[in-house]
Amino acid sequence: MMEILKIDNLYKSFGKTDVLKGISLSLKEGEIVSILGESGCGKSSLLGCIAGFFEINDGSIYIGDKLVASKNVYLAPQERDVGVLFQDYALFPHLNVEENICFGISSLSKNEQKQRLSEVLEILNLNMLLKRYPNELSGGQAQRVALARTIVARPKIILFDEPFSNLNHTLSVKMRKEIKNILKEHKLSAIFVTHDKDDAFYLSDNIALIKDGKILDYGSAKELFYKPKNIDSACFLGEAFFIDPNTVLDEKFKEYLQSKNGILRPNDIQISITQTPLEASVLECVFYGDFYELSLSLEGHIFSIYHHKELSKNDKIYLKLSDKESF
């Protein structure tokens, strides 16, 4: 697939605050990438640099074969062929749905506008809403209109800024499924900025984990979950514990930890019904509805596993490595 976006060693500061510190990232045609991180990590600033809302301090951004940003180059947002879907949708309240969708293509001929409008209405099922105004739309309808307004301009890349943050959970799940289907069916290239692991897992071909303005890890959801580079990366995507393999006595357990960079997840270990070399004691048992989380001590190392039965503090148990398939 052709590379449609290339970011190389990008730096961005606001005043004396460095918010992006050497970001390098690429996006292929038809690919979906999520930028995942906590509030304040720099993910929205990265989106703003790609879109052209901010000038950059150093590095470069190419869209296709065009240099759109560097230390000495800056192309305005309208010159970058990038569409942005904001978390508040940014619909014009005084325009109806049809007028909102066509706003960005008003320079085209009436015939071309009509053809493009027809295409996006069919894609997003908006025919019945054309004459409604934004205050007459539900959250899901408003999001579809905002997406239609973006797609109708046929940008090379669509940027999504926390697109599901204003929706309840049920609608959020429904909309992310709809949007992914649309993007994949029409081979659209997209970047999602999100703090939600589930959104990133569902939507993405690849995920960039960002912390303190740097990319902590990058890869598919499976790669990041099963083979994280370090404990910080692992904890982004679920509960995880670090155990130095060199401090473990049991050779089989040591080899297992070495294969996982010393990172252990609760599902990696199970309770054995027979005696094994891995004898642990229960420190705490917490009920979570579908399972119990057991905090355990093994050879002085403390970590948690999930179990279907309640156990008592100080119970002695034997452990085995999970037979669950890993990446």
Protein backbone atom coordinates (compact mmCIF):
# COMPACT_ATOMS: atom_id res chain seq x y z
CA MET A 1 0.00 0.00 0.00
CA MET A 2 1.15 3.53 -0.77
CA GLU A 3 2.33 5.67 2.15
CA ILE A 4 -0.08 8.59 2.39
CA LEU A 5 1.32 10.31 5.52
CA LYS A 6 4.88 10.43 6.82
CA ILE A 7 5.87 12.23 10.00
CA ASP A 8 9.59 12.34 10.74
CA ASN A 9 11.17 13.45 14.04
CA LEU A 10 8.43 15.99 14.80
CA TYR A 11 8.90 18.51 17.61
CA LYS A 12 6.27 20.95 18.84
CA SER A 13 6.36 23.41 21.72
CA PHE A 14 3.86 25.87 23.11
CA GLY A 15 5.95 28.61 24.71
CA LYS A 16 8.48 26.86 26.92
CA THR A 17 6.45 23.65 27.11
CA ASP A 18 7.58 20.81 24.85
CA VAL A 19 4.49 18.78 23.90
CA LEU A 20 5.82 16.60 21.04
CA LYS A 21 9.35 15.23 21.28
CA GLY A 22 10.62 13.48 18.19
CA ILE A 23 7.44 11.84 16.87
CA SER A 24 7.85 9.61 13.79
CA LEU A 25 4.78 7.95 12.31
CA SER A 26 3.39 6.85 8.95
CA LEU A 27 -0.03 6.01 7.50
CA LYS A 28 -0.70 3.86 4.46
CA GLU A 29 -3.57 4.22 2.01
CA GLY A 30 -6.70 2.60 3.43
CA GLU A 31 -5.09 2.14 6.86
CA ILE A 32 -6.62 3.09 10.22
CA VAL A 33 -4.19 4.16 12.96
CA SER A 34 -5.16 5.16 16.49
CA ILE A 35 -3.17 7.55 18.67
CA LEU A 36 -3.82 6.28 22.18
CA GLY A 37 -2.84 8.10 25.34
CA GLU A 38 -3.98 9.84 28.49
CA SER A 39 -5.08 13.47 28.66
CA GLY A 40 -2.17 15.85 28.20
CA CYS A 41 0.14 13.34 26.53
CA GLY A 42 0.29 15.29 23.23
CA LYS A 43 -2.07 13.25 21.05
CA SER A 44 -4.43 16.15 20.19
CA SER A 45 -1.43 18.39 19.53
CA LEU A 46 -0.15 15.80 17.06
CA LEU A 47 -3.50 15.78 15.28
CA GLY A 48 -3.41 19.59 15.16
CA CYS A 49 0.05 19.55 13.59
CA ILE A 50 -1.09 17.09 10.92
CA ALA A 51 -4.19 19.14 10.16
CA GLY A 52 -2.23 22.39 10.00
CA PHE A 53 -3.78 24.05 13.06
CA PHE A 54 -0.29 24.46 14.54
CA GLU A 55 3.08 25.21 13.02
CA ILE A 56 5.83 22.81 14.05
CA ASN A 57 9.23 23.57 15.58
CA ASP A 58 11.24 20.86 13.85
CA GLY A 59 10.93 17.68 11.80
CA SER A 60 8.68 17.22 8.79
CA ILE A 61 5.20 16.13 7.71
CA TYR A 62 4.50 14.81 4.22
CA ILE A 63 1.01 14.14 2.89
CA GLY A 64 1.45 12.03 -0.20
CA ASP A 65 4.60 13.40 -1.82
CA LYS A 66 3.91 16.98 -0.66
CA LEU A 67 5.87 18.55 2.20
CA VAL A 68 3.21 20.34 4.26
CA ALA A 69 5.19 21.19 7.39
CA SER A 70 8.80 21.58 8.49
CA LYS A 71 10.86 24.14 10.38
CA ASN A 72 10.68 26.44 7.35
CA VAL A 73 7.51 25.24 5.57
CA TYR A 74 3.89 25.65 6.59
CA LEU A 75 0.82 24.88 4.47
CA ALA A 76 -2.54 26.09 5.75
CA PRO A 77 -5.21 23.47 6.65
CA GLN A 78 -7.17 24.05 3.41
CA GLU A 79 -4.06 23.22 1.39
CA ARG A 80 -3.38 19.85 3.04
CA ASP A 81 -6.23 17.69 1.72
CA VAL A 82 -7.08 16.54 5.25
CA GLY A 83 -10.54 16.26 6.79
CA VAL A 84 -11.13 16.61 10.54
CA LEU A 85 -14.05 15.25 12.54
CA PHE A 86 -14.17 17.13 15.86
CA GLN A 87 -15.57 15.65 19.05
CA ASP A 88 -18.32 18.31 19.16
CA TYR A 89 -18.98 17.80 15.39
CA ALA A 90 -18.74 21.60 14.72
CA LEU A 91 -21.95 21.73 12.65
CA PHE A 92 -23.24 25.16 11.68
CA PRO A 93 -26.45 25.68 13.71
CA HIS A 94 -28.02 28.02 11.11
CA LEU A 95 -27.58 25.53 8.23
CA ASN A 96 -29.64 22.42 7.64
CA VAL A 97 -28.09 18.98 7.06
CA GLU A 98 -27.79 19.37 3.30
CA GLU A 99 -26.21 22.83 3.62
CA ASN A 100 -23.79 21.61 6.30
CA ILE A 101 -22.64 18.70 4.17
CA CYS A 102 -22.11 20.83 1.07
CA PHE A 103 -20.51 23.79 2.84
CA GLY A 104 -16.95 22.72 2.09
CA ILE A 105 -17.58 21.98 -1.59
CA SER A 106 -19.50 25.15 -2.48
CA SER A 107 -16.82 26.10 -5.02
CA LEU A 108 -17.68 23.05 -7.14
CA SER A 109 -20.31 23.11 -9.85
CA LYS A 110 -23.91 22.40 -8.84
CA ASN A 111 -23.84 19.09 -10.74
CA GLU A 112 -20.65 17.97 -8.97
CA GLN A 113 -22.08 18.99 -5.58
CA LYS A 114 -25.28 17.06 -6.28
CA GLN A 115 -23.36 13.94 -7.32
CA ARG A 116 -21.10 13.98 -4.25
CA LEU A 117 -24.03 14.69 -1.94
CA SER A 118 -25.92 11.74 -3.39
CA GLU A 119 -22.93 9.48 -2.77
CA VAL A 120 -22.47 10.35 0.89
CA LEU A 121 -26.22 10.27 1.61
CA GLU A 122 -26.30 6.69 0.37
CA ILE A 123 -23.20 5.74 2.36
CA LEU A 124 -24.46 7.24 5.62
CA ASN A 125 -28.22 6.82 5.22
CA LEU A 126 -29.06 10.51 5.71
CA ASN A 127 -31.72 11.07 3.04
CA MET A 128 -34.51 11.55 5.58
CA LEU A 129 -32.58 14.20 7.51
CA LEU A 130 -31.65 16.68 4.76
CA LYS A 131 -33.88 19.55 5.89
CA ARG A 132 -33.32 19.16 9.61
CA TYR A 133 -31.12 21.51 11.60
CA PRO A 134 -28.38 20.41 14.05
CA ASN A 135 -30.56 21.04 17.11
CA GLU A 136 -33.06 18.53 15.69
CA LEU A 137 -30.51 15.71 15.44
CA SER A 138 -29.55 13.00 17.90
CA GLY A 139 -25.89 12.53 18.82
CA GLY A 140 -25.48 9.66 16.39
CA GLN A 141 -27.21 11.56 13.58
CA ALA A 142 -25.03 14.63 14.17
CA GLN A 143 -21.92 12.49 14.01
CA ARG A 144 -23.00 10.95 10.70
CA VAL A 145 -23.67 14.43 9.27
CA ALA A 146 -20.21 15.60 10.40
CA LEU A 147 -18.66 12.51 8.80
CA ALA A 148 -20.61 13.12 5.59
CA ARG A 149 -19.35 16.72 5.48
CA THR A 150 -15.80 15.39 5.80
CA ILE A 151 -16.10 12.56 3.26
CA VAL A 152 -17.83 14.69 0.63
CA ALA A 153 -14.63 16.73 0.22
CA ARG A 154 -12.73 13.50 -0.58
CA PRO A 155 -9.69 14.21 1.60
CA LYS A 156 -6.60 12.01 1.48
CA ILE A 157 -6.77 11.53 5.27
CA ILE A 158 -9.58 11.80 7.83
CA LEU A 159 -8.59 12.79 11.37
CA PHE A 160 -10.95 11.89 14.23
CA ASP A 161 -10.56 13.82 17.49
CA GLU A 162 -12.13 11.74 20.31
CA PRO A 163 -15.19 11.09 18.09
CA PHE A 164 -17.17 9.04 20.62
CA SER A 165 -16.56 11.06 23.79
CA ASN A 166 -19.96 12.81 23.64
CA LEU A 167 -21.94 9.60 23.09
CA ASN A 168 -23.25 7.14 25.68
CA HIS A 169 -21.65 3.70 25.73
CA THR A 170 -24.33 1.92 23.70
CA LEU A 171 -24.33 4.55 20.95
CA SER A 172 -20.54 4.78 21.02
CA VAL A 173 -20.22 1.04 20.30
CA LYS A 174 -22.77 1.30 17.49
CA MET A 175 -21.12 4.32 15.88
CA ARG A 176 -17.58 2.98 15.97
CA LYS A 177 -18.82 -0.14 14.17
CA GLU A 178 -20.60 1.95 11.53
CA ILE A 179 -17.63 4.25 11.02
CA LYS A 180 -15.12 1.40 10.73
CA ASN A 181 -17.33 -0.34 8.15
CA ILE A 182 -17.56 2.87 6.09
CA LEU A 183 -13.81 3.53 6.25
CA LYS A 184 -12.88 -0.02 5.29
CA GLU A 185 -15.54 -0.42 2.59
CA HIS A 186 -14.43 2.76 0.84
CA LYS A 187 -10.70 2.29 1.58
CA LEU A 188 -10.40 5.60 3.41
CA SER A 189 -7.26 6.46 5.39
CA ALA A 190 -7.87 7.63 8.95
CA ILE A 191 -6.22 8.54 12.24
CA PHE A 192 -8.20 8.35 15.49
CA VAL A 193 -7.12 10.26 18.58
CA THR A 194 -8.53 8.54 21.65
CA HIS A 195 -7.93 7.76 25.31
CA ASP A 196 -10.18 4.67 25.11
CA LYS A 197 -8.39 1.33 24.70
CA ASP A 198 -11.54 -0.44 23.44
CA ASP A 199 -12.01 2.10 20.64
CA ALA A 200 -8.38 1.74 19.60
CA PHE A 201 -8.54 -2.07 19.66
CA TYR A 202 -11.75 -2.22 17.63
CA LEU A 203 -10.93 0.38 15.01
CA SER A 204 -7.23 0.13 14.33
CA ASP A 205 -4.89 -1.67 12.02
CA ASN A 206 -2.09 -0.20 14.14
CA ILE A 207 -1.90 1.75 17.39
CA ALA A 208 0.62 4.35 18.55
CA LEU A 209 0.88 4.62 22.33
CA ILE A 210 1.90 8.15 23.34
CA LYS A 211 3.23 9.26 26.71
CA ASP A 212 4.78 12.63 27.56
CA GLY A 213 5.00 13.65 23.91
CA LYS A 214 6.82 10.52 22.75
CA ILE A 215 5.68 7.31 21.05
CA LEU A 216 6.06 4.64 23.70
CA ASP A 217 5.17 1.69 21.47
CA TYR A 218 3.67 0.99 18.06
CA GLY A 219 2.05 -2.01 16.39
CA SER A 220 -1.16 -3.97 16.01
CA ALA A 221 -3.39 -4.51 19.05
CA LYS A 222 -2.13 -8.10 19.38
CA GLU A 223 1.51 -7.08 19.09
CA LEU A 224 1.14 -4.41 21.75
CA PHE A 225 -0.87 -6.63 24.09
CA TYR A 226 1.24 -9.79 23.87
CA LYS A 227 4.66 -8.30 23.10
CA PRO A 228 4.84 -4.83 24.69
CA LYS A 229 8.25 -3.19 24.74
CA ASN A 230 8.12 -2.38 28.45
CA ILE A 231 5.85 -2.30 31.50
CA ASP A 232 4.61 1.24 30.76
CA SER A 233 3.48 0.09 27.33
CA ALA A 234 1.83 -3.02 28.78
CA CYS A 235 -0.14 -1.06 31.39
CA PHE A 236 -1.69 1.12 28.69
CA LEU A 237 -3.65 -1.88 27.48
CA GLY A 238 -4.66 -3.62 30.70
CA GLU A 239 -3.40 -4.76 34.08
CA ALA A 240 0.21 -5.93 33.93
CA PHE A 241 3.12 -6.68 36.26
CA PHE A 242 6.87 -6.74 35.73
CA ILE A 243 8.96 -9.59 37.12
CA ASP A 244 12.67 -9.68 36.38
CA PRO A 245 13.24 -13.18 34.92
CA ASN A 246 16.67 -13.30 36.56
CA THR A 247 15.04 -13.21 40.01
CA VAL A 248 12.87 -16.29 39.37
CA LEU A 249 14.03 -19.75 40.50
CA ASP A 250 11.78 -22.00 38.42
CA GLU A 251 13.41 -22.43 35.00
CA LYS A 252 10.17 -22.90 33.05
CA PHE A 253 8.66 -19.77 34.60
CA LYS A 254 11.91 -17.88 33.92
CA GLU A 255 11.85 -18.86 30.23
CA TYR A 256 8.21 -17.80 29.98
CA LEU A 257 8.97 -14.39 31.48
CA GLN A 258 11.99 -13.94 29.21
CA SER A 259 9.77 -14.56 26.17
CA LYS A 260 7.44 -11.78 27.37
CA ASN A 261 10.09 -9.19 28.37
CA GLY A 262 9.32 -9.90 32.01
CA ILE A 263 5.72 -8.74 31.67
CA LEU A 264 2.96 -10.81 33.24
CA ARG A 265 -0.78 -10.33 32.77
CA PRO A 266 -3.47 -11.83 35.03
CA ASN A 267 -4.60 -14.26 32.32
CA ASP A 268 -1.07 -15.61 31.84
CA ILE A 269 -1.26 -17.70 35.03
CA GLN A 270 -3.88 -20.18 36.21
CA ILE A 271 -4.46 -22.18 39.38
CA SER A 272 -3.39 -25.81 39.02
CA ILE A 273 -5.39 -28.65 40.55
CA THR A 274 -2.16 -30.63 40.97
CA GLN A 275 1.05 -29.75 42.76
CA THR A 276 3.58 -27.70 40.73
CA PRO A 277 6.88 -25.96 41.53
CA LEU A 278 5.00 -22.65 41.59
CA GLU A 279 3.52 -22.41 45.09
CA ALA A 280 1.93 -19.07 45.95
CA SER A 281 -0.01 -17.58 48.83
CA VAL A 282 -3.16 -15.46 48.57
CA LEU A 283 -2.80 -11.89 49.81
CA GLU A 284 -6.25 -10.61 48.83
CA CYS A 285 -9.39 -11.77 47.01
CA VAL A 286 -11.68 -9.17 45.38
CA PHE A 287 -15.05 -9.96 43.75
CA TYR A 288 -15.73 -8.31 40.36
CA GLY A 289 -18.96 -9.99 39.31
CA ASP A 290 -17.85 -12.45 36.63
CA PHE A 291 -14.55 -13.29 38.36
CA TYR A 292 -12.40 -12.88 41.45
CA GLU A 293 -9.08 -11.08 41.31
CA LEU A 294 -6.48 -12.77 43.49
CA SER A 295 -3.43 -10.87 44.65
CA LEU A 296 -0.66 -13.44 45.10
CA SER A 297 2.87 -13.70 46.44
CA LEU A 298 5.26 -16.08 44.65
CA GLU A 299 8.96 -16.21 45.54
CA GLY A 300 8.58 -12.68 46.93
CA HIS A 301 6.96 -11.37 43.72
CA ILE A 302 3.46 -9.88 43.97
CA PHE A 303 1.01 -10.02 41.05
CA SER A 304 -2.66 -10.75 40.34
CA ILE A 305 -4.57 -13.45 38.51
CA TYR A 306 -8.26 -13.99 37.74
CA HIS A 307 -10.19 -16.95 39.14
CA HIS A 308 -13.78 -18.19 39.14
CA LYS A 309 -13.91 -19.09 42.84
CA GLU A 310 -13.41 -17.17 46.06
CA LEU A 311 -10.30 -17.96 48.09
CA SER A 312 -9.23 -16.80 51.55
CA LYS A 313 -6.26 -14.75 52.61
CA ASN A 314 -3.15 -16.88 53.29
CA ASP A 315 -4.50 -19.85 51.28
CA LYS A 316 -1.69 -21.80 49.62
CA ILE A 317 -2.20 -22.58 45.93
CA TYR A 318 -0.22 -24.03 43.03
CA LEU A 319 0.06 -22.22 39.72
CA LYS A 320 0.62 -23.19 36.11
CA LEU A 321 1.32 -21.19 32.97
CA SER A 322 -1.81 -20.45 31.00
CA ASP A 323 -2.45 -22.67 28.00
CA LYS A 324 -4.28 -19.76 26.38
CA GLU A 325 -2.83 -19.03 22.93
CA SER A 326 -0.70 -15.90 22.79
CA PHE A 327 0.56 -13.90 19.85
